[in-house]
């Protein structure tokens, strides 16, 4: 079982795996977007078409789920960056894992619940912010008791369940995919020599392809649900 590399700064523990993976993905997303948008022309080239398609794709997610025009102006870029960031994070561990002895140095950051909970908390804080901007603090808090006051405890519990389901769904899918790939490569393949190696090789390829698909779908699901949650905060029941 691999061990995380944890260091302390100002008395707070930090996981080096998550920091390295997140930094690497942030750099990769930045360089990709910079390359795709390097030459913006009136007649779009192939690279420009790709980034415009991605922007349109995430913008459609926002427009479909958020009715408030003021909120949509700020959410389009957030949804675009969030989608690319999570998409790349989900795929990292499928193609690149680094270990130093028993210590894991690099894997998918989204295979760690701390990372996915951070993304979920960002979404919830944004939903609170847009809700207060739309209705004011008093009006926003009153929305928890709409359409009837009896729903107040249910609406409060819903905030916690939204946070947990949003974060743990993403974590569970990515973590399970990486665990199964590890079991196929480290347990099944060498267990009985050549026969199991022959079985494990195509199985690993198929599962890796399936994991790429699942990672892409989960990035889409996370962004879509984020916009749904924010959209609910800027609209009355």
Protein backbone atom coordinates (compact mmCIF):
# COMPACT_ATOMS: atom_id res chain seq x y z
CA UNK A 1 0.00 0.00 0.00
CA UNK A 2 1.55 3.27 -1.10
CA UNK A 3 2.01 5.99 1.49
CA UNK A 4 1.46 9.71 0.91
CA UNK A 5 4.32 12.16 1.42
CA UNK A 6 3.13 14.70 3.98
CA UNK A 7 5.03 17.77 5.14
CA UNK A 8 4.09 20.53 7.56
CA UNK A 9 4.11 24.26 6.94
CA UNK A 10 3.14 26.65 9.75
CA UNK A 11 1.90 23.62 11.66
CA UNK A 12 -0.49 22.53 8.88
CA UNK A 13 -0.04 19.18 7.06
CA UNK A 14 0.22 19.25 3.26
CA UNK A 15 0.06 16.26 0.93
CA UNK A 16 2.89 16.52 -1.62
CA UNK A 17 1.07 14.19 -4.04
CA UNK A 18 -1.90 16.52 -4.37
CA UNK A 19 0.27 19.62 -4.64
CA UNK A 20 2.52 18.19 -7.36
CA UNK A 21 -0.37 16.76 -9.36
CA UNK A 22 -2.45 19.93 -9.15
CA UNK A 23 0.51 22.13 -10.08
CA UNK A 24 1.39 19.93 -13.05
CA UNK A 25 -2.20 19.95 -14.31
CA UNK A 26 -2.54 23.72 -13.83
CA UNK A 27 0.60 24.21 -15.92
CA UNK A 28 -0.64 21.77 -18.58
CA UNK A 29 -4.05 23.48 -18.87
CA UNK A 30 -2.41 26.92 -19.06
CA UNK A 31 0.02 25.86 -21.79
CA UNK A 32 -2.71 24.07 -23.75
CA UNK A 33 -5.03 27.10 -23.72
CA UNK A 34 -2.15 29.42 -24.57
CA UNK A 35 -1.20 27.22 -27.53
CA UNK A 36 -4.78 26.85 -28.78
CA UNK A 37 -5.39 30.59 -28.60
CA UNK A 38 -1.96 31.68 -29.81
CA UNK A 39 -3.24 33.06 -33.13
CA UNK A 40 -6.81 34.26 -32.95
CA UNK A 41 -8.02 35.05 -36.45
CA UNK A 42 -11.26 36.22 -38.07
CA UNK A 43 -11.27 32.96 -40.02
CA UNK A 44 -10.60 30.41 -37.24
CA UNK A 45 -7.83 27.87 -37.70
CA UNK A 46 -8.00 24.32 -36.35
CA UNK A 47 -6.53 25.22 -32.96
CA UNK A 48 -8.88 28.15 -32.56
CA UNK A 49 -11.82 25.92 -33.48
CA UNK A 50 -10.91 23.53 -30.64
CA UNK A 51 -10.83 26.18 -27.92
CA UNK A 52 -13.96 27.86 -29.28
CA UNK A 53 -15.75 24.51 -29.24
CA UNK A 54 -14.70 23.93 -25.62
CA UNK A 55 -15.82 27.43 -24.63
CA UNK A 56 -19.15 26.93 -26.37
CA UNK A 57 -19.57 23.51 -24.76
CA UNK A 58 -19.09 24.81 -21.19
CA UNK A 59 -21.04 27.99 -21.96
CA UNK A 60 -24.03 25.86 -22.98
CA UNK A 61 -23.84 24.05 -19.64
CA UNK A 62 -24.02 27.41 -17.85
CA UNK A 63 -26.83 28.82 -20.02
CA UNK A 64 -28.91 25.66 -19.64
CA UNK A 65 -28.76 25.58 -15.83
CA UNK A 66 -28.37 29.19 -14.70
CA UNK A 67 -31.24 31.54 -15.53
CA UNK A 68 -29.77 34.68 -13.95
CA UNK A 69 -27.90 36.78 -16.55
CA UNK A 70 -25.62 38.48 -14.01
CA UNK A 71 -24.44 35.14 -12.64
CA UNK A 72 -23.92 33.70 -16.14
CA UNK A 73 -21.48 36.49 -17.01
CA UNK A 74 -19.11 35.32 -14.28
CA UNK A 75 -19.70 31.58 -14.54
CA UNK A 76 -18.81 30.92 -18.17
CA UNK A 77 -15.06 31.20 -17.62
CA UNK A 78 -15.27 29.39 -14.28
CA UNK A 79 -17.05 26.44 -15.90
CA UNK A 80 -14.51 26.33 -18.74
CA UNK A 81 -11.47 26.27 -16.43
CA UNK A 82 -13.13 23.88 -13.98
CA UNK A 83 -14.00 21.41 -16.75
CA UNK A 84 -10.48 21.35 -18.22
CA UNK A 85 -8.84 21.21 -14.79
CA UNK A 86 -10.90 18.24 -13.59
CA UNK A 87 -10.72 16.49 -16.98
CA UNK A 88 -6.91 16.54 -16.97
CA UNK A 89 -6.72 15.62 -13.29
CA UNK A 90 -8.93 12.57 -13.84
CA UNK A 91 -6.65 11.25 -16.60
CA UNK A 92 -3.26 11.89 -14.96
CA UNK A 93 -3.08 8.71 -12.88
CA UNK A 94 -4.11 6.54 -15.83
CA UNK A 95 -1.00 7.44 -17.80
CA UNK A 96 1.52 8.63 -15.23
CA UNK A 97 2.20 7.40 -11.71
CA UNK A 98 5.45 7.94 -9.85
CA UNK A 99 6.59 6.18 -6.70
CA UNK A 100 9.64 6.63 -4.53
CA UNK A 101 9.96 3.38 -2.60
CA UNK A 102 6.63 2.86 -0.85
CA UNK A 103 5.74 6.53 -1.18
CA UNK A 104 3.43 7.72 -3.94
CA UNK A 105 4.76 10.89 -5.56
CA UNK A 106 2.37 11.52 -8.45
CA UNK A 107 -1.12 10.29 -9.34
CA UNK A 108 -4.54 11.72 -10.18
CA UNK A 109 -5.27 14.49 -7.63
CA UNK A 110 -8.99 13.69 -7.90
CA UNK A 111 -8.29 10.23 -6.48
CA UNK A 112 -7.91 12.10 -3.16
CA UNK A 113 -11.15 13.20 -1.41
CA UNK A 114 -9.46 16.38 -0.14
CA UNK A 115 -9.07 17.63 -3.71
CA UNK A 116 -12.64 16.84 -4.76
CA UNK A 117 -14.03 18.34 -1.54
CA UNK A 118 -12.08 21.51 -2.28
CA UNK A 119 -13.72 21.75 -5.71
CA UNK A 120 -17.15 21.11 -4.16
CA UNK A 121 -16.55 23.78 -1.51
CA UNK A 122 -15.59 26.28 -4.23
CA UNK A 123 -18.89 25.60 -5.99
CA UNK A 124 -20.94 25.94 -2.80
CA UNK A 125 -19.21 29.17 -1.79
CA UNK A 126 -19.88 30.59 -5.25
CA UNK A 127 -23.53 29.56 -4.98
CA UNK A 128 -23.81 31.36 -1.62
CA UNK A 129 -22.10 34.45 -3.06
CA UNK A 130 -24.34 34.71 -6.11
CA UNK A 131 -27.42 34.03 -3.98
CA UNK A 132 -26.60 36.85 -1.57
CA UNK A 133 -25.81 39.22 -4.45
CA UNK A 134 -29.16 38.38 -6.05
CA UNK A 135 -31.46 38.56 -3.02
CA UNK A 136 -29.42 40.23 -0.29
CA UNK A 137 -28.45 38.44 2.93
CA UNK A 138 -31.95 38.54 4.41
CA UNK A 139 -33.69 37.46 1.21
CA UNK A 140 -31.18 34.69 0.62
CA UNK A 141 -31.68 33.22 4.09
CA UNK A 142 -35.46 33.45 3.67
CA UNK A 143 -35.18 31.28 0.56
CA UNK A 144 -34.33 28.32 2.80
CA UNK A 145 -37.89 28.51 4.18
CA UNK A 146 -39.59 28.64 0.77
CA UNK A 147 -42.11 27.61 -0.36
CA UNK A 148 -43.09 26.63 3.22
CA UNK A 149 -41.20 27.05 6.50
CA UNK A 150 -41.38 23.31 7.18
CA UNK A 151 -38.75 22.79 4.47
CA UNK A 152 -36.09 24.77 6.38
CA UNK A 153 -34.38 21.75 8.02
CA UNK A 154 -34.55 19.77 4.78
CA UNK A 155 -33.02 22.62 2.80
CA UNK A 156 -30.23 22.97 5.36
CA UNK A 157 -29.48 19.23 5.24
CA UNK A 158 -29.49 19.47 1.45
CA UNK A 159 -26.49 21.82 1.58
CA UNK A 160 -24.45 19.10 3.30
CA UNK A 161 -25.65 16.34 1.00
CA UNK A 162 -24.90 18.48 -2.07
CA UNK A 163 -21.35 18.97 -0.83
CA UNK A 164 -20.82 15.28 -0.08
CA UNK A 165 -22.40 13.88 -3.24
CA UNK A 166 -20.65 16.38 -5.50
CA UNK A 167 -17.22 15.62 -4.06
CA UNK A 168 -17.47 11.90 -3.26
CA UNK A 169 -19.01 10.93 -6.62
CA UNK A 170 -15.96 12.29 -8.43
CA UNK A 171 -13.50 10.85 -5.90
CA UNK A 172 -15.12 7.41 -5.87
CA UNK A 173 -15.12 6.98 -9.64
CA UNK A 174 -11.50 8.06 -10.14
CA UNK A 175 -10.15 6.22 -7.11
CA UNK A 176 -11.94 2.97 -8.04
CA UNK A 177 -10.61 3.13 -11.61
CA UNK A 178 -7.01 3.54 -10.47
CA UNK A 179 -7.33 0.80 -7.84
CA UNK A 180 -8.62 -1.68 -10.40
CA UNK A 181 -5.82 -0.83 -12.84
CA UNK A 182 -3.31 -1.37 -10.04
CA UNK A 183 -4.86 -4.74 -9.18
CA UNK A 184 -4.76 -5.86 -12.81
CA UNK A 185 -1.14 -4.78 -13.26
CA UNK A 186 0.33 -5.76 -9.88
CA UNK A 187 -1.84 -8.66 -8.74
CA UNK A 188 -3.45 -10.40 -11.72
CA UNK A 189 -0.69 -10.06 -14.34
CA UNK A 190 2.19 -11.70 -12.40
CA UNK A 191 0.04 -14.16 -10.42
CA UNK A 192 0.42 -17.24 -12.69
CA UNK A 193 3.06 -16.09 -15.14
CA UNK A 194 2.49 -15.92 -18.91
CA UNK A 195 -1.19 -17.14 -18.93
CA UNK A 196 -2.38 -14.38 -16.58
CA UNK A 197 -0.10 -11.85 -18.29
CA UNK A 198 -1.83 -12.60 -21.60
CA UNK A 199 -5.23 -12.12 -19.94
CA UNK A 200 -4.23 -9.01 -18.00
CA UNK A 201 -2.73 -7.05 -20.92
CA UNK A 202 -5.90 -6.61 -23.02
CA UNK A 203 -7.99 -6.30 -19.85
CA UNK A 204 -5.81 -3.40 -18.67
CA UNK A 205 -6.06 -1.68 -22.07
CA UNK A 206 -9.85 -2.02 -22.13
CA UNK A 207 -10.23 -0.80 -18.56
CA UNK A 208 -7.88 2.12 -19.17
CA UNK A 209 -9.96 3.19 -22.16
CA UNK A 210 -13.12 2.84 -20.10
CA UNK A 211 -11.52 4.89 -17.30
CA UNK A 212 -10.68 7.67 -19.76
CA UNK A 213 -14.36 7.74 -20.75
CA UNK A 214 -15.52 7.72 -17.12
CA UNK A 215 -13.04 10.49 -16.22
CA UNK A 216 -14.37 12.65 -19.05
CA UNK A 217 -18.00 11.99 -18.09
CA UNK A 218 -17.28 12.80 -14.44
CA UNK A 219 -15.71 16.14 -15.39
CA UNK A 220 -18.88 16.96 -17.34
CA UNK A 221 -21.14 15.77 -14.49
CA UNK A 222 -19.24 17.78 -11.89
CA UNK A 223 -19.46 21.02 -13.89
CA UNK A 224 -23.12 20.43 -14.76
CA UNK A 225 -24.14 19.76 -11.16
CA UNK A 226 -22.10 22.78 -10.02
CA UNK A 227 -24.11 24.98 -12.39
CA UNK A 228 -27.36 23.34 -11.24
CA UNK A 229 -26.57 24.12 -7.60
CA UNK A 230 -25.60 27.71 -8.39
CA UNK A 231 -28.64 28.13 -10.64
CA UNK A 232 -30.95 27.12 -7.77
CA UNK A 233 -29.42 29.78 -5.53
CA UNK A 234 -30.23 32.63 -7.91
CA UNK A 235 -33.86 31.61 -8.48
CA UNK A 236 -36.84 31.50 -6.13
CA UNK A 237 -38.88 28.34 -5.72
